[in-house]
N, C-alpha and C. Protein backbone atom coordinates (compact mmCIF):
# COMPACT_ATOMS: atom_id res chain seq x y z
N MET A 1 -10.34 -16.20 7.47
CA MET A 1 -11.03 -15.35 6.53
C MET A 1 -10.30 -15.37 5.19
N THR A 2 -11.09 -15.22 4.14
CA THR A 2 -10.51 -15.15 2.80
C THR A 2 -10.68 -13.75 2.24
N THR A 3 -10.04 -13.49 1.13
CA THR A 3 -10.10 -12.15 0.54
C THR A 3 -11.52 -11.76 0.14
N THR A 4 -12.38 -12.73 -0.10
CA THR A 4 -13.76 -12.42 -0.51
C THR A 4 -14.64 -11.99 0.65
N ASP A 5 -14.14 -12.06 1.86
CA ASP A 5 -14.92 -11.68 3.04
C ASP A 5 -14.89 -10.18 3.32
N PHE A 6 -14.26 -9.40 2.45
CA PHE A 6 -14.05 -7.98 2.74
C PHE A 6 -14.59 -7.10 1.63
N ASP A 7 -14.96 -5.88 1.99
CA ASP A 7 -15.35 -4.85 1.03
C ASP A 7 -14.08 -4.07 0.72
N TRP A 8 -13.42 -4.42 -0.37
CA TRP A 8 -12.11 -3.88 -0.67
C TRP A 8 -12.14 -2.41 -1.08
N VAL A 9 -13.24 -1.95 -1.67
CA VAL A 9 -13.34 -0.53 -2.00
C VAL A 9 -13.39 0.29 -0.71
N GLN A 10 -14.15 -0.17 0.25
CA GLN A 10 -14.21 0.52 1.55
C GLN A 10 -12.84 0.46 2.24
N LEU A 11 -12.17 -0.67 2.14
CA LEU A 11 -10.84 -0.81 2.75
C LEU A 11 -9.81 0.07 2.05
N GLN A 12 -9.96 0.27 0.75
CA GLN A 12 -9.05 1.17 0.04
C GLN A 12 -9.18 2.57 0.61
N HIS A 13 -10.40 3.00 0.82
CA HIS A 13 -10.64 4.33 1.39
C HIS A 13 -10.03 4.42 2.80
N ARG A 14 -10.22 3.38 3.58
CA ARG A 14 -9.68 3.37 4.95
C ARG A 14 -8.16 3.35 4.95
N ALA A 15 -7.55 2.59 4.06
CA ALA A 15 -6.08 2.56 3.97
C ALA A 15 -5.55 3.93 3.60
N HIS A 16 -6.24 4.61 2.72
CA HIS A 16 -5.82 5.96 2.33
C HIS A 16 -5.97 6.94 3.50
N GLN A 17 -6.99 6.78 4.29
CA GLN A 17 -7.13 7.62 5.48
C GLN A 17 -5.98 7.38 6.45
N GLU A 18 -5.62 6.11 6.63
CA GLU A 18 -4.52 5.76 7.52
C GLU A 18 -3.22 6.42 7.04
N PHE A 19 -2.98 6.34 5.74
CA PHE A 19 -1.75 6.92 5.20
C PHE A 19 -1.77 8.44 5.34
N ALA A 20 -2.90 9.05 5.03
CA ALA A 20 -3.02 10.52 5.15
C ALA A 20 -2.78 10.99 6.57
N ALA A 21 -3.27 10.23 7.55
CA ALA A 21 -3.05 10.62 8.95
C ALA A 21 -1.57 10.61 9.29
N ARG A 22 -0.83 9.67 8.72
CA ARG A 22 0.63 9.62 8.97
C ARG A 22 1.35 10.74 8.23
N ILE A 23 0.88 11.10 7.04
CA ILE A 23 1.48 12.24 6.33
C ILE A 23 1.33 13.51 7.16
N ALA A 24 0.17 13.67 7.79
CA ALA A 24 -0.08 14.87 8.60
C ALA A 24 0.89 14.97 9.77
N ALA A 25 1.50 13.87 10.17
CA ALA A 25 2.42 13.87 11.31
C ALA A 25 3.87 14.11 10.90
N ILE A 26 4.14 14.25 9.61
CA ILE A 26 5.53 14.41 9.15
C ILE A 26 6.07 15.77 9.56
N GLU A 27 7.23 15.75 10.20
CA GLU A 27 7.96 16.98 10.53
C GLU A 27 9.29 17.03 9.78
N ASP A 28 9.86 15.86 9.49
CA ASP A 28 11.16 15.79 8.82
C ASP A 28 11.03 14.91 7.58
N TRP A 29 10.89 15.53 6.43
CA TRP A 29 10.72 14.79 5.17
C TRP A 29 11.98 14.04 4.77
N ASP A 30 13.10 14.41 5.34
CA ASP A 30 14.35 13.74 5.01
C ASP A 30 14.74 12.68 6.03
N GLY A 31 13.87 12.43 7.02
CA GLY A 31 14.13 11.44 8.05
C GLY A 31 14.17 10.03 7.50
N PRO A 32 14.74 9.10 8.28
CA PRO A 32 14.85 7.70 7.85
C PRO A 32 13.51 6.97 8.00
N THR A 33 13.43 5.84 7.32
CA THR A 33 12.25 4.96 7.41
C THR A 33 12.75 3.55 7.73
N PRO A 34 11.84 2.62 8.01
CA PRO A 34 12.27 1.24 8.23
C PRO A 34 13.02 0.64 7.04
N ASP A 35 12.74 1.12 5.83
CA ASP A 35 13.50 0.71 4.65
C ASP A 35 14.68 1.68 4.56
N THR A 36 15.85 1.21 4.92
CA THR A 36 17.01 2.11 5.04
C THR A 36 17.40 2.78 3.72
N ALA A 37 16.90 2.29 2.60
CA ALA A 37 17.21 2.91 1.31
C ALA A 37 16.32 4.13 1.04
N TRP A 38 15.27 4.31 1.84
CA TRP A 38 14.30 5.38 1.59
C TRP A 38 14.25 6.38 2.73
N SER A 39 14.11 7.64 2.37
CA SER A 39 13.78 8.68 3.34
C SER A 39 12.26 8.75 3.44
N VAL A 40 11.75 9.55 4.36
CA VAL A 40 10.31 9.76 4.46
C VAL A 40 9.78 10.27 3.12
N ARG A 41 10.48 11.21 2.53
CA ARG A 41 10.08 11.76 1.22
C ARG A 41 9.99 10.66 0.17
N ASP A 42 10.99 9.78 0.13
CA ASP A 42 11.01 8.69 -0.84
C ASP A 42 9.82 7.75 -0.64
N LEU A 43 9.54 7.43 0.61
CA LEU A 43 8.42 6.54 0.92
C LEU A 43 7.10 7.14 0.46
N VAL A 44 6.86 8.40 0.82
CA VAL A 44 5.61 9.04 0.43
C VAL A 44 5.53 9.15 -1.09
N ALA A 45 6.62 9.53 -1.73
CA ALA A 45 6.63 9.62 -3.20
C ALA A 45 6.29 8.27 -3.83
N HIS A 46 6.83 7.19 -3.31
CA HIS A 46 6.54 5.86 -3.83
C HIS A 46 5.04 5.57 -3.77
N VAL A 47 4.43 5.83 -2.63
CA VAL A 47 3.00 5.53 -2.48
C VAL A 47 2.15 6.45 -3.36
N VAL A 48 2.53 7.71 -3.47
CA VAL A 48 1.80 8.63 -4.36
C VAL A 48 1.93 8.17 -5.80
N GLU A 49 3.13 7.80 -6.22
CA GLU A 49 3.33 7.34 -7.60
C GLU A 49 2.48 6.11 -7.90
N GLU A 50 2.35 5.20 -6.95
CA GLU A 50 1.49 4.03 -7.15
C GLU A 50 0.05 4.45 -7.40
N GLN A 51 -0.39 5.53 -6.74
CA GLN A 51 -1.77 6.00 -6.94
C GLN A 51 -1.92 6.69 -8.29
N GLN A 52 -0.87 7.29 -8.79
CA GLN A 52 -0.92 7.94 -10.10
C GLN A 52 -1.28 6.94 -11.20
N TRP A 53 -0.80 5.72 -11.07
CA TRP A 53 -1.04 4.69 -12.08
C TRP A 53 -2.49 4.21 -12.11
N VAL A 54 -3.13 4.21 -10.95
CA VAL A 54 -4.43 3.54 -10.80
C VAL A 54 -5.47 3.99 -11.83
N PRO A 55 -5.79 5.28 -11.95
CA PRO A 55 -6.85 5.65 -12.90
C PRO A 55 -6.52 5.26 -14.35
N HIS A 56 -5.26 5.37 -14.72
CA HIS A 56 -4.86 5.04 -16.09
C HIS A 56 -5.00 3.54 -16.37
N LEU A 57 -4.53 2.74 -15.44
CA LEU A 57 -4.61 1.29 -15.63
C LEU A 57 -6.06 0.81 -15.57
N LEU A 58 -6.84 1.38 -14.67
CA LEU A 58 -8.25 0.98 -14.57
C LEU A 58 -9.06 1.42 -15.78
N ALA A 59 -8.59 2.43 -16.49
CA ALA A 59 -9.25 2.88 -17.72
C ALA A 59 -8.89 1.99 -18.91
N GLY A 60 -8.07 0.97 -18.66
CA GLY A 60 -7.72 0.03 -19.71
C GLY A 60 -6.47 0.39 -20.49
N ARG A 61 -5.74 1.38 -20.04
CA ARG A 61 -4.53 1.77 -20.74
C ARG A 61 -3.42 0.73 -20.51
N SER A 62 -2.58 0.61 -21.49
CA SER A 62 -1.41 -0.26 -21.34
C SER A 62 -0.42 0.41 -20.41
N LEU A 63 0.59 -0.32 -20.01
CA LEU A 63 1.65 0.25 -19.18
C LEU A 63 2.34 1.41 -19.90
N GLU A 64 2.60 1.25 -21.18
CA GLU A 64 3.26 2.32 -21.95
C GLU A 64 2.37 3.56 -22.01
N GLN A 65 1.08 3.38 -22.26
CA GLN A 65 0.17 4.52 -22.32
C GLN A 65 0.07 5.19 -20.95
N ALA A 66 -0.01 4.40 -19.91
CA ALA A 66 -0.09 4.97 -18.57
C ALA A 66 1.18 5.74 -18.24
N ARG A 67 2.32 5.15 -18.55
CA ARG A 67 3.61 5.78 -18.25
C ARG A 67 3.70 7.16 -18.91
N SER A 68 3.23 7.27 -20.14
CA SER A 68 3.32 8.56 -20.84
C SER A 68 2.28 9.57 -20.34
N SER A 69 1.31 9.13 -19.55
CA SER A 69 0.25 10.01 -19.04
C SER A 69 0.52 10.54 -17.64
N ILE A 70 1.53 10.02 -16.98
CA ILE A 70 1.76 10.36 -15.57
C ILE A 70 2.68 11.57 -15.45
N ASP A 71 2.24 12.52 -14.65
CA ASP A 71 3.00 13.75 -14.43
C ASP A 71 4.09 13.53 -13.38
N ARG A 72 5.12 14.32 -13.48
CA ARG A 72 6.18 14.33 -12.47
C ARG A 72 5.60 14.92 -11.18
N LEU A 73 5.96 14.35 -10.05
CA LEU A 73 5.43 14.83 -8.78
C LEU A 73 5.99 16.21 -8.43
N ARG A 74 5.14 17.04 -7.88
CA ARG A 74 5.58 18.34 -7.38
C ARG A 74 6.21 18.14 -6.00
N ASP A 75 6.87 19.17 -5.49
CA ASP A 75 7.53 19.10 -4.18
C ASP A 75 6.55 18.94 -3.03
N ASP A 76 5.33 19.42 -3.19
CA ASP A 76 4.31 19.34 -2.14
C ASP A 76 3.69 17.94 -2.12
N LEU A 77 4.40 17.00 -1.50
CA LEU A 77 3.94 15.61 -1.52
C LEU A 77 2.64 15.41 -0.75
N ALA A 78 2.40 16.20 0.28
CA ALA A 78 1.11 16.08 0.99
C ALA A 78 -0.02 16.48 0.06
N GLY A 79 0.16 17.54 -0.70
CA GLY A 79 -0.84 17.95 -1.68
C GLY A 79 -0.99 16.94 -2.80
N GLU A 80 0.13 16.38 -3.25
CA GLU A 80 0.09 15.36 -4.29
C GLU A 80 -0.66 14.11 -3.80
N TRP A 81 -0.43 13.74 -2.53
CA TRP A 81 -1.15 12.61 -1.97
C TRP A 81 -2.66 12.88 -2.03
N ALA A 82 -3.08 14.05 -1.59
CA ALA A 82 -4.51 14.38 -1.58
C ALA A 82 -5.09 14.28 -2.99
N LEU A 83 -4.39 14.81 -3.96
CA LEU A 83 -4.84 14.80 -5.35
C LEU A 83 -4.95 13.39 -5.92
N TYR A 84 -3.87 12.63 -5.81
CA TYR A 84 -3.84 11.31 -6.44
C TYR A 84 -4.59 10.26 -5.64
N SER A 85 -4.70 10.44 -4.34
CA SER A 85 -5.53 9.54 -3.54
C SER A 85 -6.99 9.67 -3.97
N LEU A 86 -7.44 10.89 -4.14
CA LEU A 86 -8.82 11.12 -4.58
C LEU A 86 -9.05 10.54 -5.97
N ALA A 87 -8.12 10.75 -6.88
CA ALA A 87 -8.26 10.22 -8.25
C ALA A 87 -8.31 8.69 -8.24
N ALA A 88 -7.45 8.06 -7.45
CA ALA A 88 -7.45 6.60 -7.37
C ALA A 88 -8.74 6.09 -6.75
N THR A 89 -9.18 6.73 -5.68
CA THR A 89 -10.42 6.31 -5.01
C THR A 89 -11.59 6.40 -5.97
N SER A 90 -11.69 7.47 -6.73
CA SER A 90 -12.78 7.63 -7.70
C SER A 90 -12.71 6.53 -8.76
N ALA A 91 -11.51 6.21 -9.22
CA ALA A 91 -11.35 5.17 -10.24
C ALA A 91 -11.77 3.80 -9.70
N TRP A 92 -11.37 3.50 -8.47
CA TRP A 92 -11.76 2.20 -7.88
C TRP A 92 -13.28 2.11 -7.76
N GLN A 93 -13.92 3.19 -7.38
CA GLN A 93 -15.36 3.17 -7.17
C GLN A 93 -16.15 3.02 -8.46
N SER A 94 -15.57 3.41 -9.58
CA SER A 94 -16.33 3.41 -10.83
C SER A 94 -15.95 2.29 -11.80
N THR A 95 -15.03 1.42 -11.42
CA THR A 95 -14.57 0.37 -12.32
C THR A 95 -15.14 -0.98 -11.91
N PRO A 96 -15.70 -1.74 -12.87
CA PRO A 96 -16.21 -3.07 -12.53
C PRO A 96 -15.12 -3.97 -11.96
N ARG A 97 -15.45 -4.71 -10.93
CA ARG A 97 -14.48 -5.55 -10.21
C ARG A 97 -13.86 -6.64 -11.08
N ASP A 98 -14.58 -7.07 -12.12
CA ASP A 98 -14.06 -8.17 -12.93
C ASP A 98 -13.34 -7.70 -14.19
N ALA A 99 -13.22 -6.39 -14.37
CA ALA A 99 -12.45 -5.88 -15.51
C ALA A 99 -11.01 -6.34 -15.38
N ARG A 100 -10.28 -6.31 -16.49
CA ARG A 100 -8.89 -6.76 -16.49
C ARG A 100 -7.95 -5.56 -16.51
N VAL A 101 -6.82 -5.72 -15.81
CA VAL A 101 -5.83 -4.66 -15.69
C VAL A 101 -4.46 -5.23 -16.05
N GLN A 102 -3.75 -4.52 -16.92
CA GLN A 102 -2.40 -4.93 -17.29
C GLN A 102 -1.42 -4.34 -16.29
N LEU A 103 -0.73 -5.20 -15.55
CA LEU A 103 0.32 -4.77 -14.63
C LEU A 103 1.67 -5.19 -15.20
N SER A 104 2.73 -4.84 -14.54
CA SER A 104 4.07 -5.16 -15.07
C SER A 104 4.35 -6.65 -15.09
N TYR A 105 3.71 -7.40 -14.22
CA TYR A 105 4.02 -8.83 -14.10
C TYR A 105 2.93 -9.74 -14.65
N ASP A 106 1.73 -9.21 -14.94
CA ASP A 106 0.62 -10.05 -15.40
C ASP A 106 -0.59 -9.18 -15.70
N THR A 107 -1.59 -9.78 -16.29
CA THR A 107 -2.89 -9.14 -16.43
C THR A 107 -3.80 -9.79 -15.40
N VAL A 108 -4.41 -8.96 -14.54
CA VAL A 108 -5.20 -9.45 -13.42
C VAL A 108 -6.56 -8.75 -13.41
N THR A 109 -7.45 -9.22 -12.54
CA THR A 109 -8.73 -8.54 -12.39
C THR A 109 -8.55 -7.26 -11.56
N VAL A 110 -9.50 -6.37 -11.70
CA VAL A 110 -9.50 -5.16 -10.89
C VAL A 110 -9.46 -5.53 -9.42
N ASP A 111 -10.22 -6.55 -9.03
CA ASP A 111 -10.24 -6.98 -7.63
C ASP A 111 -8.85 -7.37 -7.14
N GLU A 112 -8.11 -8.12 -7.95
CA GLU A 112 -6.77 -8.53 -7.55
C GLU A 112 -5.84 -7.32 -7.39
N TYR A 113 -5.94 -6.39 -8.32
CA TYR A 113 -5.12 -5.18 -8.26
C TYR A 113 -5.51 -4.33 -7.05
N LEU A 114 -6.81 -4.25 -6.78
CA LEU A 114 -7.28 -3.48 -5.63
C LEU A 114 -6.74 -4.07 -4.32
N ARG A 115 -6.79 -5.37 -4.17
CA ARG A 115 -6.26 -6.00 -2.96
C ARG A 115 -4.77 -5.71 -2.81
N GLU A 116 -4.03 -5.77 -3.92
CA GLU A 116 -2.60 -5.48 -3.90
C GLU A 116 -2.36 -4.03 -3.45
N GLN A 117 -3.14 -3.12 -3.98
CA GLN A 117 -2.98 -1.71 -3.63
C GLN A 117 -3.34 -1.44 -2.17
N VAL A 118 -4.41 -2.04 -1.68
CA VAL A 118 -4.79 -1.85 -0.27
C VAL A 118 -3.68 -2.38 0.63
N ALA A 119 -3.14 -3.53 0.28
CA ALA A 119 -2.06 -4.11 1.08
C ALA A 119 -0.84 -3.20 1.07
N ASP A 120 -0.47 -2.67 -0.09
CA ASP A 120 0.71 -1.81 -0.21
C ASP A 120 0.55 -0.54 0.63
N VAL A 121 -0.58 0.12 0.51
CA VAL A 121 -0.79 1.37 1.25
C VAL A 121 -0.84 1.10 2.75
N THR A 122 -1.48 0.00 3.14
CA THR A 122 -1.58 -0.33 4.57
C THR A 122 -0.20 -0.57 5.17
N ILE A 123 0.60 -1.39 4.54
CA ILE A 123 1.94 -1.69 5.06
C ILE A 123 2.78 -0.41 5.10
N HIS A 124 2.67 0.41 4.07
CA HIS A 124 3.45 1.65 4.05
C HIS A 124 2.92 2.67 5.04
N ALA A 125 1.65 2.58 5.42
CA ALA A 125 1.15 3.46 6.50
C ALA A 125 1.87 3.14 7.80
N TRP A 126 2.11 1.85 8.04
CA TRP A 126 2.88 1.48 9.24
C TRP A 126 4.32 1.98 9.12
N ASP A 127 4.93 1.78 7.93
CA ASP A 127 6.30 2.25 7.72
C ASP A 127 6.41 3.75 8.03
N LEU A 128 5.45 4.51 7.53
CA LEU A 128 5.48 5.95 7.72
C LEU A 128 5.24 6.30 9.19
N ALA A 129 4.33 5.58 9.84
CA ALA A 129 4.10 5.82 11.28
C ALA A 129 5.38 5.59 12.06
N ARG A 130 6.06 4.50 11.79
CA ARG A 130 7.32 4.20 12.47
C ARG A 130 8.35 5.30 12.19
N ALA A 131 8.41 5.76 10.96
CA ALA A 131 9.40 6.76 10.57
C ALA A 131 9.18 8.10 11.25
N VAL A 132 7.92 8.47 11.45
CA VAL A 132 7.64 9.82 11.98
C VAL A 132 7.24 9.81 13.45
N GLY A 133 7.25 8.63 14.07
CA GLY A 133 6.90 8.55 15.49
C GLY A 133 5.42 8.70 15.76
N ALA A 134 4.58 8.37 14.77
CA ALA A 134 3.12 8.45 14.93
C ALA A 134 2.59 7.12 15.47
N ASP A 135 1.31 7.08 15.75
CA ASP A 135 0.66 5.86 16.21
C ASP A 135 0.83 4.78 15.14
N GLU A 136 1.39 3.65 15.53
CA GLU A 136 1.66 2.56 14.59
C GLU A 136 0.51 1.56 14.49
N THR A 137 -0.52 1.74 15.28
CA THR A 137 -1.64 0.80 15.27
C THR A 137 -2.44 0.98 14.00
N LEU A 138 -2.57 -0.09 13.25
CA LEU A 138 -3.36 -0.07 12.02
C LEU A 138 -4.78 -0.53 12.31
N ASP A 139 -5.70 -0.09 11.49
CA ASP A 139 -7.09 -0.49 11.60
C ASP A 139 -7.20 -2.02 11.60
N ASP A 140 -7.96 -2.57 12.56
CA ASP A 140 -8.06 -4.02 12.70
C ASP A 140 -8.58 -4.72 11.44
N GLU A 141 -9.59 -4.15 10.81
CA GLU A 141 -10.13 -4.79 9.61
C GLU A 141 -9.13 -4.75 8.47
N LEU A 142 -8.39 -3.65 8.35
CA LEU A 142 -7.33 -3.60 7.33
C LEU A 142 -6.29 -4.68 7.59
N VAL A 143 -5.91 -4.84 8.83
CA VAL A 143 -4.90 -5.86 9.17
C VAL A 143 -5.43 -7.25 8.79
N ARG A 144 -6.67 -7.55 9.15
CA ARG A 144 -7.24 -8.87 8.81
C ARG A 144 -7.31 -9.07 7.29
N ALA A 145 -7.72 -8.02 6.58
CA ALA A 145 -7.85 -8.11 5.13
C ALA A 145 -6.49 -8.32 4.47
N VAL A 146 -5.51 -7.52 4.86
CA VAL A 146 -4.19 -7.64 4.26
C VAL A 146 -3.56 -8.99 4.63
N TRP A 147 -3.82 -9.46 5.83
CA TRP A 147 -3.35 -10.80 6.23
C TRP A 147 -3.93 -11.84 5.28
N SER A 148 -5.20 -11.70 4.90
CA SER A 148 -5.83 -12.67 4.00
C SER A 148 -5.18 -12.66 2.61
N VAL A 149 -4.52 -11.57 2.26
CA VAL A 149 -3.79 -11.49 0.99
C VAL A 149 -2.40 -12.09 1.15
N PHE A 150 -1.69 -11.67 2.19
CA PHE A 150 -0.28 -12.03 2.33
C PHE A 150 -0.02 -13.41 2.94
N GLU A 151 -0.83 -13.82 3.87
CA GLU A 151 -0.56 -15.09 4.56
C GLU A 151 -0.49 -16.26 3.58
N PRO A 152 -1.42 -16.39 2.61
CA PRO A 152 -1.30 -17.50 1.65
C PRO A 152 -0.05 -17.42 0.77
N GLN A 153 0.55 -16.24 0.69
CA GLN A 153 1.74 -16.04 -0.15
C GLN A 153 3.03 -15.97 0.66
N LYS A 154 2.94 -16.27 1.96
CA LYS A 154 4.08 -16.02 2.84
C LYS A 154 5.37 -16.66 2.37
N ASP A 155 5.28 -17.80 1.70
CA ASP A 155 6.50 -18.47 1.25
C ASP A 155 7.11 -17.82 0.01
N THR A 156 6.34 -17.01 -0.70
CA THR A 156 6.85 -16.39 -1.92
C THR A 156 7.11 -14.89 -1.78
N LEU A 157 6.72 -14.29 -0.65
CA LEU A 157 6.89 -12.85 -0.49
C LEU A 157 8.35 -12.43 -0.56
N GLU A 158 9.20 -13.11 0.17
CA GLU A 158 10.63 -12.76 0.17
C GLU A 158 11.23 -12.99 -1.22
N ALA A 159 10.84 -14.08 -1.86
CA ALA A 159 11.38 -14.40 -3.18
C ALA A 159 10.99 -13.37 -4.23
N SER A 160 9.91 -12.64 -3.98
CA SER A 160 9.45 -11.62 -4.94
C SER A 160 10.42 -10.47 -5.05
N GLY A 161 11.27 -10.29 -4.04
CA GLY A 161 12.19 -9.17 -4.02
C GLY A 161 11.58 -7.89 -3.50
N LEU A 162 10.29 -7.91 -3.21
CA LEU A 162 9.60 -6.72 -2.71
C LEU A 162 9.66 -6.61 -1.20
N PHE A 163 10.01 -7.71 -0.53
CA PHE A 163 10.00 -7.74 0.93
C PHE A 163 11.30 -8.33 1.45
N ALA A 164 11.67 -7.90 2.64
CA ALA A 164 12.83 -8.47 3.32
C ALA A 164 12.46 -9.85 3.85
N SER A 165 13.44 -10.53 4.40
CA SER A 165 13.18 -11.84 5.00
C SER A 165 12.18 -11.71 6.13
N PRO A 166 11.30 -12.70 6.30
CA PRO A 166 10.35 -12.65 7.40
C PRO A 166 11.07 -12.55 8.75
N VAL A 167 10.43 -11.85 9.66
CA VAL A 167 10.94 -11.69 11.02
C VAL A 167 10.28 -12.77 11.88
N PRO A 168 11.06 -13.55 12.65
CA PRO A 168 10.43 -14.58 13.47
C PRO A 168 9.58 -13.96 14.59
N VAL A 169 8.34 -14.40 14.66
CA VAL A 169 7.43 -14.03 15.76
C VAL A 169 6.61 -15.27 16.11
N GLY A 170 6.11 -15.31 17.32
CA GLY A 170 5.31 -16.44 17.75
C GLY A 170 3.92 -16.43 17.14
N ASP A 171 3.32 -17.60 17.04
CA ASP A 171 1.96 -17.72 16.53
C ASP A 171 0.95 -17.01 17.42
N ASP A 172 1.34 -16.73 18.66
CA ASP A 172 0.45 -16.05 19.59
C ASP A 172 0.63 -14.53 19.57
N ALA A 173 1.52 -14.04 18.70
CA ALA A 173 1.73 -12.58 18.57
C ALA A 173 0.46 -11.96 17.98
N PRO A 174 0.21 -10.68 18.25
CA PRO A 174 -0.94 -10.01 17.65
C PRO A 174 -0.88 -10.11 16.12
N LEU A 175 -2.04 -10.13 15.49
CA LEU A 175 -2.10 -10.30 14.04
C LEU A 175 -1.30 -9.21 13.32
N GLN A 176 -1.36 -7.97 13.79
CA GLN A 176 -0.59 -6.92 13.14
C GLN A 176 0.90 -7.24 13.18
N SER A 177 1.39 -7.73 14.29
CA SER A 177 2.80 -8.09 14.39
C SER A 177 3.15 -9.22 13.43
N ARG A 178 2.27 -10.21 13.31
CA ARG A 178 2.53 -11.32 12.39
C ARG A 178 2.49 -10.86 10.94
N LEU A 179 1.55 -9.95 10.63
CA LEU A 179 1.47 -9.40 9.27
C LEU A 179 2.75 -8.65 8.93
N LEU A 180 3.17 -7.77 9.80
CA LEU A 180 4.39 -7.02 9.55
C LEU A 180 5.59 -7.96 9.44
N ALA A 181 5.62 -8.98 10.26
CA ALA A 181 6.74 -9.93 10.27
C ALA A 181 6.88 -10.67 8.94
N ILE A 182 5.75 -11.07 8.32
CA ILE A 182 5.89 -11.80 7.05
C ILE A 182 6.29 -10.88 5.91
N THR A 183 6.20 -9.56 6.14
CA THR A 183 6.68 -8.61 5.13
C THR A 183 8.06 -8.08 5.50
N GLY A 184 8.71 -8.74 6.46
CA GLY A 184 10.09 -8.39 6.81
C GLY A 184 10.21 -7.21 7.76
N ARG A 185 9.13 -6.88 8.46
CA ARG A 185 9.15 -5.73 9.37
C ARG A 185 9.07 -6.21 10.80
N ASP A 186 9.83 -5.58 11.65
CA ASP A 186 9.85 -5.92 13.07
C ASP A 186 9.23 -4.76 13.83
N ASP A 187 8.08 -4.98 14.43
CA ASP A 187 7.40 -3.87 15.13
C ASP A 187 7.85 -3.72 16.57
N ARG A 188 8.81 -4.55 16.99
CA ARG A 188 9.34 -4.38 18.34
C ARG A 188 10.30 -3.20 18.34
N ARG A 189 10.35 -2.49 19.44
CA ARG A 189 11.25 -1.33 19.56
C ARG A 189 12.56 -1.77 20.14
C-alpha cells in the first residue's frame, strides 16, 4: 500500500482518539516512558505542543509567526490535549490538501504534513500506552498507513536524529512490531 491509499483526515481523527484513550489511563504523570529522557508529562506535552502548531501553520503563517502565537501549556495536560486536538482536527478538515506549509526543515504540502502528524501521534500513542500500562494495540489501519510513510524511509529514519536505531525483528513479525522496530522501539516485554 502507498500513502495515497488512505483517508488521512480520518486517520488523523483516529490517531487522536488513540492518544486520548491513553491519556485517560494516566495515573502517574511523572512516570517513565520508552524514551528515557521523557516522563509521561513530557511525552504528552510534546504531542500537545505539536498540535498547537497545526492551525497556525495550516493558516499559512511562517514559523516565526506561529511561534509568537502559541500559548504556554497549562498544567492540565489532559484538558490541553482536548483543546488543541480539536483545534488541529478542525484545521486539517478545512485546509486544502495541496496547500503549502512551511516547516522547520522544508516547505511541504498539507498532505505531507498531515501524514507526518498522523505518524507522530500514532507512534506516541504506543509510547504512552507502554508507559502507563494501557493496551498497546494500535488500530490496524493506522499501523498500515504509518508503515506506508515510514517503511520507504527506513534507511534515513535513524539518521534524522528523531528515532533510535532500528530494533531487529523478523519479516514475519506482526506489522505493528515491524513499524515500532523501524522507529527504534521494541514491543517485546
